[in-house]
Amino acid sequence: MRDIEETFKTLQEINMKLNLKKCTFKVEEGMFLGYKVNSKGIKVCPDKVEAVLSLPSLKCLKDVQKLNGKLASLNRFLSKLAKKSLPFFKALKKCTKKSDFQWTVEAEAAFKQMKKLIAELPTLIAPMEKEELIVYLAAACETVSAVLMTKKGGEANASLLC
């Protein structure tokens, strides 16, 4: 409550108005910038997950571009996304014209695997002060990715760095 009070004072000092229709206070869970946020962490919006899971096999260049856009909004929840998306980018790279599009067996297999991963996305949590963090680094010829993990209750948990 002190933080809210201080924020309101600052807003008043600089004469900034809030749109009350867009303000929410004292809720257990809410949507923020397309993510579901609660005291336990950040989850991906179920609508974003459903948008990918409901996609049929891709048939054209535009479909692959739309998929890549949807995956970009989920990237912080998917480890090694760039490497797993490589078959999609290869399909795009070979297309100089719409008629050049080819959806390969490799791309279809990666698409099916991606759907499985998206169906089980983790909750991202902020690390606690002085909590031991484990860094996992993955490097391939085309990509490099890293994730911070913590151990809570005997399980490894992905952490979100703010």
Protein backbone atom coordinates (compact mmCIF):
# COMPACT_ATOMS: atom_id res chain seq x y z
CA MET A 1 0.00 0.00 0.00
CA ARG A 2 2.93 2.36 0.70
CA ASP A 3 4.20 1.77 -2.84
CA ILE A 4 0.80 2.63 -4.30
CA GLU A 5 0.56 5.74 -2.14
CA GLU A 6 4.03 6.88 -3.24
CA THR A 7 3.20 6.16 -6.88
CA PHE A 8 -0.01 8.21 -6.68
CA LYS A 9 1.85 11.12 -5.07
CA THR A 10 4.42 11.06 -7.86
CA LEU A 11 1.70 10.91 -10.51
CA GLN A 12 -0.07 13.84 -8.87
CA GLU A 13 3.16 15.88 -8.70
CA ILE A 14 3.75 15.51 -12.43
CA ASN A 15 0.04 15.98 -13.17
CA MET A 16 -0.36 12.60 -14.86
CA LYS A 17 -3.84 11.06 -15.10
CA LEU A 18 -4.63 7.33 -15.04
CA ASN A 19 -7.28 5.61 -17.12
CA LEU A 20 -9.32 3.95 -14.35
CA LYS A 21 -10.74 1.40 -16.82
CA LYS A 22 -7.21 0.04 -17.21
CA CYS A 23 -6.30 0.06 -13.49
CA THR A 24 -6.67 -2.93 -11.21
CA PHE A 25 -5.74 -3.07 -7.53
CA LYS A 26 -5.56 -5.78 -4.85
CA VAL A 27 -6.07 -8.79 -7.11
CA GLU A 28 -4.55 -12.24 -6.66
CA GLU A 29 -3.94 -12.69 -10.38
CA GLY A 30 -4.19 -10.54 -13.47
CA MET A 31 -3.11 -10.03 -17.05
CA PHE A 32 -0.14 -7.72 -17.66
CA LEU A 33 1.41 -7.13 -21.08
CA GLY A 34 -0.10 -10.37 -22.36
CA TYR A 35 1.07 -12.53 -19.45
CA LYS A 36 -0.82 -13.96 -16.49
CA VAL A 37 0.87 -12.65 -13.33
CA ASN A 38 0.33 -13.77 -9.74
CA SER A 39 2.35 -14.05 -6.53
CA LYS A 40 3.85 -17.37 -7.68
CA GLY A 41 5.21 -16.05 -10.98
CA ILE A 42 4.44 -15.34 -14.61
CA LYS A 43 2.54 -17.67 -16.91
CA VAL A 44 1.86 -17.38 -20.59
CA CYS A 45 -1.65 -16.28 -21.57
CA PRO A 46 -3.76 -19.38 -22.37
CA ASP A 47 -5.03 -17.68 -25.54
CA LYS A 48 -1.47 -17.49 -26.91
CA VAL A 49 -0.96 -21.19 -26.23
CA GLU A 50 -4.26 -22.11 -27.86
CA ALA A 51 -3.43 -19.96 -30.91
CA VAL A 52 -0.40 -22.19 -31.62
CA LEU A 53 -1.93 -25.52 -30.57
CA SER A 54 -4.92 -25.01 -32.88
CA LEU A 55 -2.76 -24.35 -35.96
CA PRO A 56 -2.96 -27.01 -38.68
CA SER A 57 0.15 -27.97 -40.68
CA LEU A 58 1.52 -24.94 -42.43
CA LYS A 59 0.83 -24.56 -46.12
CA CYS A 60 2.33 -21.27 -47.22
CA LEU A 61 4.94 -18.63 -46.52
CA LYS A 62 2.44 -16.43 -44.65
CA ASP A 63 1.59 -19.32 -42.28
CA VAL A 64 5.27 -19.73 -41.29
CA GLN A 65 5.63 -15.99 -40.75
CA LYS A 66 2.54 -16.00 -38.50
CA LEU A 67 3.90 -18.98 -36.55
CA ASN A 68 7.24 -17.23 -36.00
CA GLY A 69 5.36 -14.18 -34.68
CA LYS A 70 3.37 -16.33 -32.26
CA LEU A 71 6.52 -18.12 -31.08
CA ALA A 72 8.26 -14.78 -30.49
CA SER A 73 5.62 -13.94 -27.86
CA LEU A 74 6.33 -17.27 -26.11
CA ASN A 75 10.13 -17.22 -26.41
CA ARG A 76 10.91 -16.56 -22.75
CA PHE A 77 9.02 -19.73 -21.80
CA LEU A 78 10.68 -22.03 -24.35
CA SER A 79 14.28 -23.10 -23.87
CA LYS A 80 16.48 -23.20 -26.96
CA LEU A 81 13.66 -21.73 -29.07
CA ALA A 82 15.98 -20.45 -31.80
CA LYS A 83 17.48 -23.90 -32.33
CA LYS A 84 14.08 -25.61 -32.26
CA SER A 85 12.68 -23.04 -34.73
CA LEU A 86 15.56 -23.41 -37.17
CA PRO A 87 13.59 -25.63 -39.61
CA PHE A 88 10.96 -22.85 -39.87
CA PHE A 89 13.60 -20.23 -40.60
CA LYS A 90 15.22 -22.51 -43.19
CA ALA A 91 11.83 -22.82 -44.93
CA LEU A 92 11.61 -19.02 -45.01
CA LYS A 93 15.22 -18.52 -46.09
CA LYS A 94 14.76 -20.56 -49.26
CA CYS A 95 11.71 -18.52 -50.29
CA THR A 96 12.44 -15.61 -52.57
CA LYS A 97 8.92 -15.90 -54.04
CA LYS A 98 5.70 -17.29 -52.59
CA SER A 99 5.82 -20.11 -55.12
CA ASP A 100 9.21 -21.27 -53.73
CA PHE A 101 7.67 -22.31 -50.40
CA GLN A 102 8.31 -25.90 -49.31
CA TRP A 103 7.14 -27.29 -45.98
CA THR A 104 9.69 -30.03 -45.31
CA VAL A 105 9.38 -33.22 -43.28
CA GLU A 106 11.96 -31.72 -40.89
CA ALA A 107 9.84 -28.58 -40.47
CA GLU A 108 6.69 -30.63 -39.85
CA ALA A 109 8.46 -32.72 -37.20
CA ALA A 110 9.76 -29.53 -35.52
CA PHE A 111 6.25 -28.05 -35.66
CA LYS A 112 4.74 -31.09 -33.93
CA GLN A 113 7.49 -31.07 -31.30
CA MET A 114 6.94 -27.34 -30.72
CA LYS A 115 3.23 -27.95 -30.09
CA LYS A 116 4.10 -30.57 -27.45
CA LEU A 117 6.45 -28.15 -25.70
CA ILE A 118 3.93 -25.31 -25.78
CA ALA A 119 1.27 -27.51 -24.20
CA GLU A 120 3.50 -27.78 -21.07
CA LEU A 121 4.98 -24.30 -20.60
CA PRO A 122 6.55 -23.53 -17.19
CA THR A 123 5.76 -20.71 -14.77
CA LEU A 124 8.60 -18.21 -14.56
CA ILE A 125 9.54 -17.11 -11.06
CA ALA A 126 11.78 -14.34 -9.78
CA PRO A 127 14.81 -15.53 -7.83
CA MET A 128 14.82 -14.83 -4.10
CA GLU A 129 17.56 -12.73 -2.56
CA LYS A 130 20.73 -14.77 -1.83
CA GLU A 131 19.18 -17.83 -3.47
CA GLU A 132 21.65 -20.09 -5.28
CA LEU A 133 21.22 -19.88 -9.06
CA ILE A 134 22.30 -22.44 -11.62
CA VAL A 135 23.13 -21.25 -15.14
CA TYR A 136 22.50 -23.64 -18.03
CA LEU A 137 24.13 -22.60 -21.28
CA ALA A 138 23.38 -24.20 -24.64
CA ALA A 139 25.40 -23.39 -27.72
CA ALA A 140 25.02 -24.63 -31.27
CA CYS A 141 26.47 -23.44 -34.56
CA GLU A 142 23.41 -21.28 -35.22
CA THR A 143 22.31 -20.23 -31.71
CA VAL A 144 23.29 -19.61 -28.11
CA SER A 145 20.79 -19.67 -25.22
CA ALA A 146 20.90 -19.64 -21.44
CA VAL A 147 18.51 -20.10 -18.54
CA LEU A 148 18.81 -19.46 -14.82
CA MET A 149 17.42 -22.20 -12.61
CA THR A 150 16.82 -22.64 -8.89
CA LYS A 151 16.01 -25.69 -6.81
CA LYS A 152 12.81 -25.47 -4.81
CA GLY A 153 11.30 -28.46 -3.13
CA GLY A 154 13.76 -30.79 -4.85
CA GLU A 155 12.66 -29.61 -8.32
CA ALA A 156 14.50 -27.35 -10.74
CA ASN A 157 12.55 -24.17 -11.54
CA ALA A 158 13.20 -21.64 -14.31
CA SER A 159 13.84 -18.14 -13.01
CA LEU A 160 13.00 -14.85 -14.65
CA LEU A 161 15.63 -12.17 -14.42
CA CYS A 162 14.15 -8.69 -14.27
